[in-house]
Amino acid sequence: MSASVPPPDRADEMETPVPPPMRADAMECPAPPPMRPAGGGSGGSDDLALRRQLLGPERSRDAVVPNVLDIVASLFRVLAAAVFVLTFIAQPFRIPSESMEHTLLVGDFVLVNKMIYAPPGEWQWLLPYREPQRGDVIVFHYPDQPSEHVVKRVIAVPGETVHLQDGLADIDGVPQDEPYVAFEPAYPDAYRDDFPQRLYTDPGVDPGWWQQMQRDVHAGELVVPRGQYFVLGDNRNFSRDSRYWGFVPRQNIVGRGLLIYFSLREPSSTDPTQDDSLKQKSDLLDRLKDFARWDRIGRVLR
């Protein structure tokens, strides 16, 4: 009976050690590929590939953590995008007065579309450029103080005639349907309600505008000149508008009111039926509910 003779060791074979079992808290690393024989002729490239495989996860972990320059660059990109949007596309404004009640309330935050009235260019086939139209709620630079922004509604455009009867507008002799107009309690005022007037009865009227208005009134109708717009507040009894200081030049118009994106609950000083004063409540949920007019958020201006 012949004895079993183990095969002779070969010089080109190496024993592969068995790795110890992994600990539960150790990070998993990929196992290295089996080593090729030393005389295979491609050991250099295999070693390079092995080093890349072993170093790859470490480099990937380093790439996940951004450095200071990456953070600064990201902040500058966000800032540049915000400046571009505020300069050319849209801009937020806060309503400080009651002149546009009940379309806009004190404490409303309005997003204004600045693109719609921009001069049409090569993108006019895609973007809705147009001129201000009757009924648009617009934001503009106040003619007497250009740094101040004012929001009103366009009532008459260049070339049209306007006349108010009991606070409602007639355009080119035709009474207008104005469902947005509010008449909050106020004393009678002939100049305010039946505009234009030949008598200087209101000390709040700008003297320069009074003189110009006498030249632009024909047969009891105020004619809107070229490049000018006649604007009024929706709260007709409590609005200082074109009746008191004149037309809005086309170049002063910033944009059209788009929507209400937030609304703080603030009281009105002209509407006794509107109770938006903050109540003293102990419950946190009630205070959060009364903090803002949540039902007005997202309301499109019309």
Protein backbone atom coordinates (compact mmCIF):
# COMPACT_ATOMS: atom_id res chain seq x y z
CA MET A 1 0.00 0.00 0.00
CA SER A 2 1.65 3.18 -1.18
CA ALA A 3 1.88 6.12 1.17
CA SER A 4 0.31 9.45 0.23
CA VAL A 5 3.03 11.84 -0.71
CA PRO A 6 2.20 15.55 -0.52
CA PRO A 7 2.81 17.42 -3.73
CA PRO A 8 6.03 19.38 -3.76
CA ASP A 9 5.85 23.11 -3.05
CA ARG A 10 6.05 25.25 -6.16
CA ALA A 11 8.19 28.30 -6.16
CA ASP A 12 5.56 30.38 -8.02
CA GLU A 13 2.75 29.75 -5.51
CA MET A 14 2.20 31.78 -2.34
CA GLU A 15 -0.01 30.91 0.59
CA THR A 16 -2.86 33.38 1.04
CA PRO A 17 -3.43 34.21 4.71
CA VAL A 18 -6.98 34.01 6.03
CA PRO A 19 -8.09 37.46 7.35
CA PRO A 20 -9.28 37.61 10.95
CA PRO A 21 -13.00 38.13 11.56
CA MET A 22 -14.15 41.78 11.46
CA ARG A 23 -15.24 43.69 14.57
CA ALA A 24 -18.75 45.01 14.70
CA ASP A 25 -17.58 48.66 14.99
CA ALA A 26 -14.97 48.47 12.26
CA MET A 27 -15.46 50.25 8.92
CA GLU A 28 -15.84 47.88 6.02
CA CYS A 29 -13.14 48.04 3.37
CA PRO A 30 -13.14 46.09 0.12
CA ALA A 31 -10.94 42.99 0.13
CA PRO A 32 -7.84 43.26 -2.08
CA PRO A 33 -7.88 41.23 -5.28
CA PRO A 34 -5.78 38.08 -5.40
CA MET A 35 -2.15 38.72 -6.24
CA ARG A 36 -0.83 37.55 -9.56
CA PRO A 37 2.36 35.53 -9.84
CA ALA A 38 5.55 37.51 -9.64
CA GLY A 39 6.59 36.46 -13.10
CA GLY A 40 3.32 37.39 -14.77
CA GLY A 41 4.83 40.37 -16.56
CA SER A 42 2.10 42.90 -15.51
CA GLY A 43 2.79 43.25 -11.81
CA GLY A 44 3.47 46.99 -12.07
CA SER A 45 0.04 47.86 -13.48
CA ASP A 46 -1.68 45.49 -11.03
CA ASP A 47 0.08 47.15 -8.11
CA LEU A 48 -1.03 50.59 -9.35
CA ALA A 49 -4.62 49.42 -9.68
CA LEU A 50 -4.46 47.92 -6.20
CA ARG A 51 -3.17 51.18 -4.71
CA ARG A 52 -5.95 53.13 -6.45
CA GLN A 53 -8.58 50.75 -5.12
CA LEU A 54 -7.24 50.94 -1.60
CA LEU A 55 -6.92 54.73 -1.60
CA GLY A 56 -10.21 55.42 -3.38
CA PRO A 57 -12.56 55.26 -0.37
CA GLU A 58 -10.29 57.49 1.69
CA ARG A 59 -10.18 60.11 -1.02
CA SER A 60 -13.97 59.88 -1.45
CA ARG A 61 -14.46 60.49 2.26
CA ASP A 62 -12.20 63.55 2.07
CA ALA A 63 -14.13 64.92 -0.93
CA VAL A 64 -17.43 64.86 0.98
CA VAL A 65 -16.25 67.50 3.47
CA PRO A 66 -16.17 70.92 1.70
CA ASN A 67 -13.43 73.36 2.46
CA VAL A 68 -13.83 77.05 3.29
CA LEU A 69 -13.36 78.17 -0.32
CA ASP A 70 -16.17 75.89 -1.50
CA ILE A 71 -18.52 77.31 1.14
CA VAL A 72 -17.66 80.92 0.23
CA ALA A 73 -18.08 80.19 -3.48
CA SER A 74 -21.51 78.64 -2.86
CA LEU A 75 -22.61 81.65 -0.80
CA PHE A 76 -21.52 84.03 -3.54
CA ARG A 77 -23.45 82.04 -6.14
CA VAL A 78 -26.60 82.16 -4.01
CA LEU A 79 -26.11 85.90 -3.41
CA ALA A 80 -25.58 86.58 -7.11
CA ALA A 81 -28.75 84.66 -7.97
CA ALA A 82 -30.74 86.59 -5.34
CA VAL A 83 -29.44 89.95 -6.62
CA PHE A 84 -30.33 88.97 -10.19
CA VAL A 85 -33.87 87.97 -9.20
CA LEU A 86 -34.47 91.14 -7.13
CA THR A 87 -33.03 93.37 -9.85
CA PHE A 88 -34.63 91.96 -12.97
CA ILE A 89 -37.43 89.49 -12.13
CA ALA A 90 -39.29 89.99 -8.84
CA GLN A 91 -39.06 92.03 -5.66
CA PRO A 92 -40.90 91.83 -2.32
CA PHE A 93 -42.66 94.81 -0.72
CA ARG A 94 -44.53 95.32 2.55
CA ILE A 95 -47.83 97.22 2.63
CA PRO A 96 -47.66 99.99 5.28
CA SER A 97 -51.02 101.79 4.86
CA GLU A 98 -54.75 101.25 4.35
CA SER A 99 -55.04 102.92 0.92
CA MET A 100 -55.50 99.60 -0.95
CA GLU A 101 -57.95 97.92 1.42
CA HIS A 102 -59.41 95.38 0.98
CA THR A 103 -57.26 94.18 -1.90
CA LEU A 104 -54.15 94.72 0.20
CA LEU A 105 -54.13 95.02 3.98
CA VAL A 106 -51.62 96.58 6.32
CA GLY A 107 -48.99 93.92 6.98
CA ASP A 108 -49.30 92.14 3.62
CA PHE A 109 -46.05 91.20 1.89
CA VAL A 110 -46.39 91.41 -1.88
CA LEU A 111 -44.23 89.90 -4.60
CA VAL A 112 -43.93 92.25 -7.59
CA ASN A 113 -43.31 91.10 -11.15
CA LYS A 114 -40.65 93.42 -12.59
CA MET A 115 -40.30 91.63 -15.92
CA ILE A 116 -43.78 92.22 -17.29
CA TYR A 117 -43.28 95.94 -18.05
CA ALA A 118 -39.67 95.62 -19.23
CA PRO A 119 -38.87 96.81 -22.77
CA PRO A 120 -39.48 93.91 -25.17
CA GLY A 121 -36.32 92.39 -26.63
CA GLU A 122 -35.32 89.23 -28.40
CA TRP A 123 -37.12 87.16 -25.72
CA GLN A 124 -40.52 88.76 -26.30
CA TRP A 125 -41.76 85.57 -28.00
CA LEU A 126 -41.27 83.75 -24.68
CA LEU A 127 -41.76 86.31 -21.90
CA PRO A 128 -45.08 88.23 -21.50
CA TYR A 129 -43.86 91.80 -21.96
CA ARG A 130 -46.62 94.42 -22.16
CA GLU A 131 -47.53 97.95 -21.18
CA PRO A 132 -49.46 98.73 -17.95
CA GLN A 133 -53.18 98.22 -18.43
CA ARG A 134 -56.28 99.56 -16.78
CA GLY A 135 -56.93 97.58 -13.58
CA ASP A 136 -53.30 96.58 -12.94
CA VAL A 137 -52.06 96.88 -9.36
CA ILE A 138 -48.66 98.52 -9.79
CA VAL A 139 -45.71 99.54 -7.64
CA PHE A 140 -43.94 102.74 -8.66
CA HIS A 141 -41.56 105.41 -7.47
CA TYR A 142 -43.51 108.26 -5.89
CA PRO A 143 -43.08 111.22 -8.28
CA ASP A 144 -42.28 113.73 -5.50
CA GLN A 145 -39.93 111.34 -3.65
CA PRO A 146 -38.45 108.79 -6.08
CA SER A 147 -36.83 106.79 -3.26
CA GLU A 148 -40.30 105.93 -1.89
CA HIS A 149 -42.30 103.05 -3.38
CA VAL A 150 -46.09 103.34 -3.64
CA VAL A 151 -48.74 100.80 -4.66
CA LYS A 152 -51.96 101.83 -6.44
CA ARG A 153 -54.28 100.62 -9.20
CA VAL A 154 -54.17 101.92 -12.77
CA ILE A 155 -57.49 103.58 -13.60
CA ALA A 156 -56.72 105.33 -16.89
CA VAL A 157 -53.92 104.93 -19.43
CA PRO A 158 -52.47 107.49 -21.88
CA GLY A 159 -55.06 109.03 -24.17
CA GLU A 160 -58.08 108.17 -22.02
CA THR A 161 -60.30 110.59 -20.11
CA VAL A 162 -61.31 110.04 -16.49
CA HIS A 163 -64.03 111.45 -14.27
CA LEU A 164 -65.20 110.29 -10.82
CA GLN A 165 -68.83 110.26 -9.76
CA ASP A 166 -69.44 109.37 -6.12
CA GLY A 167 -65.95 107.88 -6.04
CA LEU A 168 -66.45 105.55 -9.02
CA ALA A 169 -64.58 106.04 -12.28
CA ASP A 170 -65.97 106.87 -15.71
CA ILE A 171 -63.41 106.24 -18.47
CA ASP A 172 -64.10 107.93 -21.80
CA GLY A 173 -67.61 108.59 -20.49
CA VAL A 174 -68.31 104.93 -19.69
CA PRO A 175 -68.94 103.88 -16.05
CA GLN A 176 -66.52 101.15 -14.99
CA ASP A 177 -67.21 97.95 -13.10
CA GLU A 178 -64.95 98.20 -10.04
CA PRO A 179 -65.72 95.33 -7.64
CA TYR A 180 -62.45 95.91 -5.78
CA VAL A 181 -63.39 99.43 -4.56
CA ALA A 182 -64.04 99.91 -0.84
CA PHE A 183 -65.86 102.89 0.69
CA GLU A 184 -65.01 102.98 4.37
CA PRO A 185 -66.87 105.52 6.54
CA ALA A 186 -65.64 109.08 5.97
CA TYR A 187 -66.88 112.66 5.80
CA PRO A 188 -68.27 113.86 2.45
CA ASP A 189 -65.67 115.46 0.20
CA ALA A 190 -66.67 116.89 -3.18
CA TYR A 191 -63.10 117.09 -4.46
CA ARG A 192 -62.41 113.46 -3.53
CA ASP A 193 -65.70 111.96 -4.71
CA ASP A 194 -66.53 114.06 -7.82
CA PHE A 195 -63.18 114.55 -9.50
CA PRO A 196 -61.99 116.78 -11.17
CA GLN A 197 -63.15 120.00 -9.57
CA ARG A 198 -62.69 123.61 -10.66
CA LEU A 199 -62.50 124.86 -7.08
CA TYR A 200 -59.43 124.46 -4.90
CA THR A 201 -61.16 123.03 -1.84
CA ASP A 202 -58.65 120.54 -0.40
CA PRO A 203 -55.39 121.79 1.21
CA GLY A 204 -53.87 118.34 0.63
CA VAL A 205 -53.75 118.89 -3.14
CA ASP A 206 -50.30 119.66 -4.53
CA PRO A 207 -50.33 123.26 -5.91
CA GLY A 208 -48.28 122.35 -8.97
CA TRP A 209 -50.63 119.50 -9.80
CA TRP A 210 -53.63 121.80 -9.38
CA GLN A 211 -52.26 124.17 -12.01
CA GLN A 212 -51.45 121.33 -14.43
CA MET A 213 -54.86 119.76 -13.91
CA GLN A 214 -56.62 122.95 -15.05
CA ARG A 215 -54.79 122.66 -18.38
CA ASP A 216 -55.57 118.94 -18.80
CA VAL A 217 -59.30 119.14 -18.00
CA HIS A 218 -61.62 119.43 -21.01
CA ALA A 219 -65.41 119.46 -20.72
CA GLY A 220 -65.18 118.22 -17.16
CA GLU A 221 -62.96 115.22 -18.11
CA LEU A 222 -59.30 114.85 -17.17
CA VAL A 223 -57.23 113.81 -20.21
CA VAL A 224 -54.29 111.50 -19.43
CA PRO A 225 -51.21 112.68 -21.38
CA ARG A 226 -48.86 110.45 -23.33
CA GLY A 227 -46.45 108.48 -21.14
CA GLN A 228 -48.54 109.12 -17.98
CA TYR A 229 -50.95 107.01 -15.91
CA PHE A 230 -53.82 107.94 -13.61
CA VAL A 231 -53.89 105.77 -10.47
CA LEU A 232 -56.19 105.44 -7.45
CA GLY A 233 -56.26 103.44 -4.26
CA ASP A 234 -58.98 100.83 -3.85
CA ASN A 235 -59.88 102.41 -0.50
CA ARG A 236 -61.21 105.52 -2.23
CA ASN A 237 -62.00 107.54 0.91
CA PHE A 238 -58.55 107.03 2.46
CA SER A 239 -56.08 107.16 -0.41
CA ARG A 240 -53.70 109.88 -1.47
CA ASP A 241 -53.34 109.22 -5.17
CA SER A 242 -53.47 110.90 -8.58
CA ARG A 243 -56.30 113.12 -7.39
CA TYR A 244 -53.90 114.87 -5.03
CA TRP A 245 -50.44 114.76 -6.62
CA GLY A 246 -50.88 113.94 -10.31
CA PHE A 247 -49.99 111.34 -12.90
CA VAL A 248 -47.43 108.54 -12.66
CA PRO A 249 -44.74 108.72 -15.39
CA ARG A 250 -44.15 105.49 -17.27
CA GLN A 251 -40.48 105.39 -16.25
CA ASN A 252 -41.45 105.45 -12.56
CA ILE A 253 -43.32 102.14 -12.73
CA VAL A 254 -41.39 99.27 -11.11
CA GLY A 255 -43.69 96.33 -11.76
CA ARG A 256 -47.06 94.70 -11.32
CA GLY A 257 -48.26 93.20 -8.04
CA LEU A 258 -48.24 89.43 -8.41
CA LEU A 259 -49.34 87.75 -5.17
CA ILE A 260 -49.34 87.97 -1.37
CA TYR A 261 -46.60 85.68 -0.09
CA PHE A 262 -47.06 86.50 3.62
CA SER A 263 -49.37 88.60 5.80
CA LEU A 264 -48.76 89.81 9.34
CA ARG A 265 -51.84 90.47 11.41
CA GLU A 266 -51.89 94.25 11.94
CA PRO A 267 -54.88 96.49 12.78
CA SER A 268 -56.50 98.93 10.37
CA SER A 269 -57.00 102.52 11.45
CA THR A 270 -59.73 103.21 8.87
CA ASP A 271 -61.95 100.10 8.93
CA PRO A 272 -63.81 99.68 12.24
CA THR A 273 -65.14 96.26 11.17
CA GLN A 274 -61.66 94.82 10.73
CA ASP A 275 -60.28 93.45 14.00
CA ASP A 276 -56.72 92.35 13.36
CA SER A 277 -55.24 93.34 16.70
CA LEU A 278 -53.13 90.68 18.40
CA LYS A 279 -54.86 89.14 21.39
CA GLN A 280 -53.09 88.23 24.61
CA LYS A 281 -53.31 84.45 24.61
CA SER A 282 -51.41 82.03 26.74
CA ASP A 283 -51.59 79.03 24.43
CA LEU A 284 -48.66 78.84 22.01
CA LEU A 285 -50.76 77.36 19.21
CA ASP A 286 -53.31 80.18 19.46
CA ARG A 287 -50.54 82.79 19.36
CA LEU A 288 -49.09 81.20 16.24
CA LYS A 289 -52.51 81.14 14.58
CA ASP A 290 -53.08 84.83 15.35
CA PHE A 291 -49.56 85.87 14.40
CA ALA A 292 -50.38 85.99 10.68
CA ARG A 293 -53.31 85.96 8.27
CA TRP A 294 -52.58 82.48 7.00
CA ASP A 295 -55.59 82.46 4.64
CA ARG A 296 -54.14 85.37 2.62
CA ILE A 297 -50.83 83.67 1.80
CA GLY A 298 -50.61 82.82 -1.90
CA ARG A 299 -53.52 85.08 -2.90
CA VAL A 300 -53.10 86.37 -6.46
CA LEU A 301 -53.73 90.11 -6.92
CA ARG A 302 -56.52 91.05 -9.30
